[in-house]
Amino acid sequence: MAAQRSRRLRKKMHIDEFQELGFSVAFSFPEDTSGDTIDTTLDAFINEVIDPNGLAFDGSGFLQWEGLVCLQQTGKCTDEHRELVRKWLEDRQLNNIQVTELFDVWWD
């Protein structure tokens, strides 16, 4: 039987109505890509897909990137968010694009 927890505790633990779903993303640039091109592409990624959709991206890399995408506010990403990110990366013809299924960003 599940323990009954107060709203405050559920919020602190990021469970039930405070659960946050996100997904991992990985992609790479071609070997001969310049640093300026990478910077411009990532700026466009943030400005065109991440910010307008209320998402947040925490990632790192140079030619190969990996990161986590979640909402800027407490909430759950959707499959539509995953497809927006995937399509944007594919439209830029980036390589080795991987977008995971949704998972709990605090507990998975």
N, C-alpha and C. Protein backbone atom coordinates (compact mmCIF):
# COMPACT_ATOMS: atom_id res chain seq x y z
N MET A 1 0.84 -1.18 0.00
CA MET A 1 0.00 0.00 0.00
C MET A 1 0.89 1.24 0.00
N ALA A 2 0.59 2.19 -0.86
CA ALA A 2 1.38 3.40 -0.99
C ALA A 2 1.19 4.31 0.23
N ALA A 3 2.26 4.93 0.65
CA ALA A 3 2.19 5.84 1.78
C ALA A 3 1.49 7.13 1.38
N GLN A 4 0.69 7.66 2.27
CA GLN A 4 0.05 8.94 2.02
C GLN A 4 1.04 10.03 2.43
N ARG A 5 1.33 10.90 1.47
CA ARG A 5 2.30 11.97 1.73
C ARG A 5 1.61 13.31 1.57
N SER A 6 2.07 14.29 2.33
CA SER A 6 1.51 15.63 2.22
C SER A 6 1.90 16.26 0.88
N ARG A 7 1.14 17.26 0.48
CA ARG A 7 1.43 17.97 -0.77
C ARG A 7 2.86 18.52 -0.76
N ARG A 8 3.25 19.08 0.36
CA ARG A 8 4.60 19.65 0.49
C ARG A 8 5.67 18.59 0.27
N LEU A 9 5.48 17.41 0.85
CA LEU A 9 6.46 16.34 0.70
C LEU A 9 6.47 15.80 -0.74
N ARG A 10 5.26 15.66 -1.35
CA ARG A 10 5.20 15.21 -2.74
C ARG A 10 5.94 16.18 -3.65
N LYS A 11 5.80 17.47 -3.38
CA LYS A 11 6.49 18.49 -4.19
C LYS A 11 8.00 18.38 -3.99
N LYS A 12 8.41 18.23 -2.76
CA LYS A 12 9.84 18.13 -2.45
C LYS A 12 10.47 16.89 -3.07
N MET A 13 9.68 15.79 -3.15
CA MET A 13 10.17 14.54 -3.71
C MET A 13 9.97 14.43 -5.22
N HIS A 14 9.27 15.42 -5.82
CA HIS A 14 9.00 15.41 -7.26
C HIS A 14 8.24 14.16 -7.68
N ILE A 15 7.18 13.87 -6.94
CA ILE A 15 6.36 12.69 -7.27
C ILE A 15 4.91 13.11 -7.48
N ASP A 16 4.12 12.16 -7.97
CA ASP A 16 2.69 12.34 -8.23
C ASP A 16 2.47 13.56 -9.13
N GLU A 17 1.71 14.54 -8.68
CA GLU A 17 1.42 15.69 -9.55
C GLU A 17 2.64 16.57 -9.80
N PHE A 18 3.73 16.35 -9.09
CA PHE A 18 4.95 17.14 -9.26
C PHE A 18 6.04 16.37 -10.01
N GLN A 19 5.68 15.23 -10.54
CA GLN A 19 6.63 14.44 -11.34
C GLN A 19 7.05 15.24 -12.57
N GLU A 20 8.31 15.13 -12.94
CA GLU A 20 8.82 15.81 -14.12
C GLU A 20 9.36 14.78 -15.12
N LEU A 21 8.79 14.81 -16.32
CA LEU A 21 9.24 13.91 -17.38
C LEU A 21 10.08 14.69 -18.37
N GLY A 22 11.14 14.08 -18.84
CA GLY A 22 12.01 14.67 -19.85
C GLY A 22 12.56 13.56 -20.72
N PHE A 23 13.54 13.91 -21.53
CA PHE A 23 14.16 12.92 -22.41
C PHE A 23 15.59 13.34 -22.71
N SER A 24 16.39 12.34 -23.05
CA SER A 24 17.78 12.59 -23.43
C SER A 24 17.86 12.74 -24.94
N VAL A 25 18.81 13.53 -25.36
CA VAL A 25 19.04 13.72 -26.79
C VAL A 25 20.55 13.67 -27.04
N ALA A 26 20.91 13.09 -28.16
CA ALA A 26 22.32 13.04 -28.58
C ALA A 26 22.36 13.26 -30.08
N PHE A 27 23.39 13.96 -30.52
CA PHE A 27 23.57 14.22 -31.95
C PHE A 27 25.02 14.61 -32.19
N SER A 28 25.42 14.57 -33.43
CA SER A 28 26.80 14.97 -33.74
C SER A 28 26.84 15.79 -35.02
N PHE A 29 27.88 16.60 -35.09
CA PHE A 29 28.16 17.42 -36.27
C PHE A 29 29.18 16.68 -37.14
N PRO A 30 29.18 16.95 -38.44
CA PRO A 30 30.22 16.36 -39.30
C PRO A 30 31.62 16.77 -38.82
N GLU A 31 32.61 15.95 -39.09
CA GLU A 31 33.99 16.16 -38.62
C GLU A 31 34.58 17.52 -38.96
N ASP A 32 34.25 18.06 -40.12
CA ASP A 32 34.88 19.32 -40.57
C ASP A 32 34.08 20.56 -40.17
N THR A 33 33.13 20.45 -39.24
CA THR A 33 32.31 21.58 -38.83
C THR A 33 33.12 22.56 -37.99
N SER A 34 33.02 23.84 -38.32
CA SER A 34 33.77 24.87 -37.59
C SER A 34 33.07 25.18 -36.25
N GLY A 35 33.82 25.74 -35.34
CA GLY A 35 33.29 26.14 -34.05
C GLY A 35 32.19 27.18 -34.18
N ASP A 36 32.35 28.11 -35.14
CA ASP A 36 31.33 29.13 -35.36
C ASP A 36 30.02 28.51 -35.83
N THR A 37 30.11 27.52 -36.69
CA THR A 37 28.90 26.84 -37.18
C THR A 37 28.20 26.10 -36.04
N ILE A 38 28.97 25.45 -35.19
CA ILE A 38 28.40 24.75 -34.04
C ILE A 38 27.69 25.75 -33.13
N ASP A 39 28.35 26.87 -32.82
CA ASP A 39 27.75 27.89 -31.97
C ASP A 39 26.46 28.43 -32.57
N THR A 40 26.47 28.72 -33.84
CA THR A 40 25.29 29.26 -34.52
C THR A 40 24.14 28.25 -34.51
N THR A 41 24.46 27.00 -34.75
CA THR A 41 23.44 25.95 -34.76
C THR A 41 22.83 25.77 -33.38
N LEU A 42 23.66 25.76 -32.35
CA LEU A 42 23.14 25.58 -31.00
C LEU A 42 22.32 26.79 -30.54
N ASP A 43 22.76 28.00 -30.92
CA ASP A 43 21.96 29.19 -30.62
C ASP A 43 20.59 29.10 -31.29
N ALA A 44 20.56 28.65 -32.54
CA ALA A 44 19.30 28.49 -33.26
C ALA A 44 18.45 27.41 -32.60
N PHE A 45 19.05 26.34 -32.15
CA PHE A 45 18.34 25.26 -31.46
C PHE A 45 17.62 25.81 -30.23
N ILE A 46 18.33 26.58 -29.44
CA ILE A 46 17.73 27.18 -28.24
C ILE A 46 16.64 28.17 -28.62
N ASN A 47 16.92 29.06 -29.58
CA ASN A 47 15.99 30.13 -29.95
C ASN A 47 14.77 29.66 -30.73
N GLU A 48 14.91 28.59 -31.50
CA GLU A 48 13.83 28.15 -32.37
C GLU A 48 13.00 27.02 -31.80
N VAL A 49 13.60 26.16 -30.97
CA VAL A 49 12.84 24.98 -30.52
C VAL A 49 12.75 24.89 -29.00
N ILE A 50 13.79 25.22 -28.29
CA ILE A 50 13.79 25.05 -26.84
C ILE A 50 12.98 26.15 -26.15
N ASP A 51 13.39 27.40 -26.25
CA ASP A 51 12.69 28.50 -25.57
C ASP A 51 11.24 28.67 -26.00
N PRO A 52 10.91 28.68 -27.30
CA PRO A 52 9.51 28.91 -27.68
C PRO A 52 8.54 27.85 -27.18
N ASN A 53 9.05 26.68 -26.86
CA ASN A 53 8.19 25.59 -26.40
C ASN A 53 8.26 25.38 -24.88
N GLY A 54 8.88 26.33 -24.17
CA GLY A 54 8.95 26.23 -22.72
C GLY A 54 9.85 25.12 -22.22
N LEU A 55 10.81 24.71 -23.06
CA LEU A 55 11.73 23.63 -22.71
C LEU A 55 13.03 24.18 -22.16
N ALA A 56 13.79 23.30 -21.55
CA ALA A 56 15.15 23.62 -21.07
C ALA A 56 16.07 22.52 -21.60
N PHE A 57 17.30 22.91 -21.96
CA PHE A 57 18.28 21.95 -22.47
C PHE A 57 19.54 22.08 -21.65
N ASP A 58 20.00 20.96 -21.12
CA ASP A 58 21.27 20.92 -20.39
C ASP A 58 22.13 19.88 -21.08
N GLY A 59 23.13 20.34 -21.81
CA GLY A 59 23.97 19.42 -22.56
C GLY A 59 25.37 19.95 -22.73
N SER A 60 26.21 19.10 -23.29
CA SER A 60 27.59 19.51 -23.54
C SER A 60 28.15 18.71 -24.69
N GLY A 61 29.23 19.25 -25.24
CA GLY A 61 29.91 18.57 -26.32
C GLY A 61 30.62 19.57 -27.21
N PHE A 62 31.17 19.08 -28.28
CA PHE A 62 31.73 19.92 -29.33
C PHE A 62 31.21 19.38 -30.66
N LEU A 63 31.83 18.35 -31.20
CA LEU A 63 31.27 17.72 -32.40
C LEU A 63 30.18 16.72 -32.03
N GLN A 64 30.29 16.10 -30.86
CA GLN A 64 29.28 15.16 -30.38
C GLN A 64 28.61 15.74 -29.15
N TRP A 65 27.29 15.85 -29.18
CA TRP A 65 26.54 16.45 -28.09
C TRP A 65 25.62 15.44 -27.43
N GLU A 66 25.48 15.56 -26.13
CA GLU A 66 24.51 14.80 -25.34
C GLU A 66 23.88 15.75 -24.35
N GLY A 67 22.60 15.54 -24.09
CA GLY A 67 21.96 16.41 -23.13
C GLY A 67 20.59 15.92 -22.71
N LEU A 68 20.02 16.65 -21.77
CA LEU A 68 18.71 16.37 -21.22
C LEU A 68 17.78 17.52 -21.61
N VAL A 69 16.57 17.17 -22.03
CA VAL A 69 15.55 18.16 -22.32
C VAL A 69 14.41 17.93 -21.35
N CYS A 70 13.98 19.01 -20.68
CA CYS A 70 12.83 18.96 -19.79
C CYS A 70 12.11 20.30 -19.89
N LEU A 71 11.04 20.47 -19.14
CA LEU A 71 10.32 21.73 -19.15
C LEU A 71 11.02 22.74 -18.26
N GLN A 72 10.88 24.02 -18.59
CA GLN A 72 11.43 25.07 -17.75
C GLN A 72 10.69 25.14 -16.41
N GLN A 73 9.40 24.85 -16.43
CA GLN A 73 8.58 24.82 -15.22
C GLN A 73 8.37 23.36 -14.82
N THR A 74 7.91 23.14 -13.62
CA THR A 74 7.58 21.79 -13.20
C THR A 74 6.49 21.25 -14.12
N GLY A 75 6.72 20.07 -14.66
CA GLY A 75 5.72 19.49 -15.55
C GLY A 75 6.30 18.34 -16.35
N LYS A 76 5.54 17.93 -17.34
CA LYS A 76 5.91 16.75 -18.10
C LYS A 76 6.06 17.07 -19.57
N CYS A 77 7.22 16.73 -20.13
CA CYS A 77 7.38 16.80 -21.57
C CYS A 77 6.44 15.78 -22.19
N THR A 78 6.14 15.99 -23.46
CA THR A 78 5.25 15.08 -24.18
C THR A 78 5.99 14.48 -25.37
N ASP A 79 5.34 13.51 -26.01
CA ASP A 79 5.91 12.95 -27.23
C ASP A 79 6.00 14.01 -28.33
N GLU A 80 5.12 15.00 -28.30
CA GLU A 80 5.18 16.09 -29.28
C GLU A 80 6.48 16.89 -29.11
N HIS A 81 6.90 17.10 -27.87
CA HIS A 81 8.17 17.79 -27.61
C HIS A 81 9.33 16.98 -28.19
N ARG A 82 9.30 15.68 -27.96
CA ARG A 82 10.35 14.80 -28.48
C ARG A 82 10.43 14.90 -30.00
N GLU A 83 9.27 14.88 -30.65
CA GLU A 83 9.25 14.94 -32.12
C GLU A 83 9.68 16.30 -32.65
N LEU A 84 9.34 17.38 -31.93
CA LEU A 84 9.81 18.72 -32.33
C LEU A 84 11.34 18.77 -32.36
N VAL A 85 11.94 18.26 -31.28
CA VAL A 85 13.39 18.26 -31.19
C VAL A 85 14.00 17.37 -32.27
N ARG A 86 13.47 16.17 -32.43
CA ARG A 86 13.99 15.24 -33.44
C ARG A 86 13.91 15.86 -34.84
N LYS A 87 12.75 16.41 -35.17
CA LYS A 87 12.55 16.99 -36.51
C LYS A 87 13.51 18.15 -36.75
N TRP A 88 13.67 19.01 -35.75
CA TRP A 88 14.56 20.16 -35.91
C TRP A 88 15.99 19.68 -36.19
N LEU A 89 16.46 18.71 -35.44
CA LEU A 89 17.81 18.18 -35.63
C LEU A 89 17.94 17.50 -36.99
N GLU A 90 16.93 16.75 -37.40
CA GLU A 90 16.97 16.09 -38.71
C GLU A 90 16.96 17.12 -39.84
N ASP A 91 16.18 18.19 -39.69
CA ASP A 91 16.12 19.23 -40.71
C ASP A 91 17.46 19.93 -40.89
N ARG A 92 18.30 19.93 -39.84
CA ARG A 92 19.64 20.55 -39.91
C ARG A 92 20.67 19.53 -40.38
N GLN A 93 20.22 18.34 -40.70
CA GLN A 93 21.07 17.25 -41.21
C GLN A 93 22.23 16.93 -40.28
N LEU A 94 21.93 16.91 -38.98
CA LEU A 94 22.94 16.49 -38.02
C LEU A 94 22.99 14.97 -38.03
N ASN A 95 24.08 14.42 -37.51
CA ASN A 95 24.32 12.98 -37.56
C ASN A 95 24.00 12.30 -36.24
N ASN A 96 23.79 10.99 -36.31
CA ASN A 96 23.64 10.13 -35.13
C ASN A 96 22.62 10.67 -34.12
N ILE A 97 21.48 11.11 -34.61
CA ILE A 97 20.45 11.69 -33.75
C ILE A 97 19.78 10.58 -32.94
N GLN A 98 19.75 10.78 -31.63
CA GLN A 98 19.08 9.84 -30.73
C GLN A 98 18.23 10.64 -29.77
N VAL A 99 16.95 10.28 -29.71
CA VAL A 99 16.02 10.90 -28.77
C VAL A 99 15.37 9.76 -28.00
N THR A 100 15.56 9.75 -26.69
CA THR A 100 15.05 8.64 -25.87
C THR A 100 13.55 8.79 -25.63
N GLU A 101 13.00 7.75 -25.05
CA GLU A 101 11.62 7.80 -24.56
C GLU A 101 11.58 8.74 -23.36
N LEU A 102 10.39 9.16 -22.98
CA LEU A 102 10.23 10.01 -21.80
C LEU A 102 10.59 9.23 -20.54
N PHE A 103 11.20 9.90 -19.58
CA PHE A 103 11.52 9.29 -18.29
C PHE A 103 11.44 10.33 -17.19
N ASP A 104 11.32 9.86 -15.97
CA ASP A 104 11.26 10.73 -14.80
C ASP A 104 12.67 11.29 -14.57
N VAL A 105 12.81 12.61 -14.69
CA VAL A 105 14.16 13.21 -14.62
C VAL A 105 14.73 13.20 -13.20
N TRP A 106 13.92 12.95 -12.20
CA TRP A 106 14.42 12.91 -10.82
C TRP A 106 14.68 11.48 -10.34
N TRP A 107 13.97 10.50 -10.88
CA TRP A 107 14.04 9.17 -10.31
C TRP A 107 14.50 8.10 -11.26
N ASP A 108 14.61 8.34 -12.56
CA ASP A 108 15.03 7.29 -13.50
C ASP A 108 16.49 7.40 -13.84
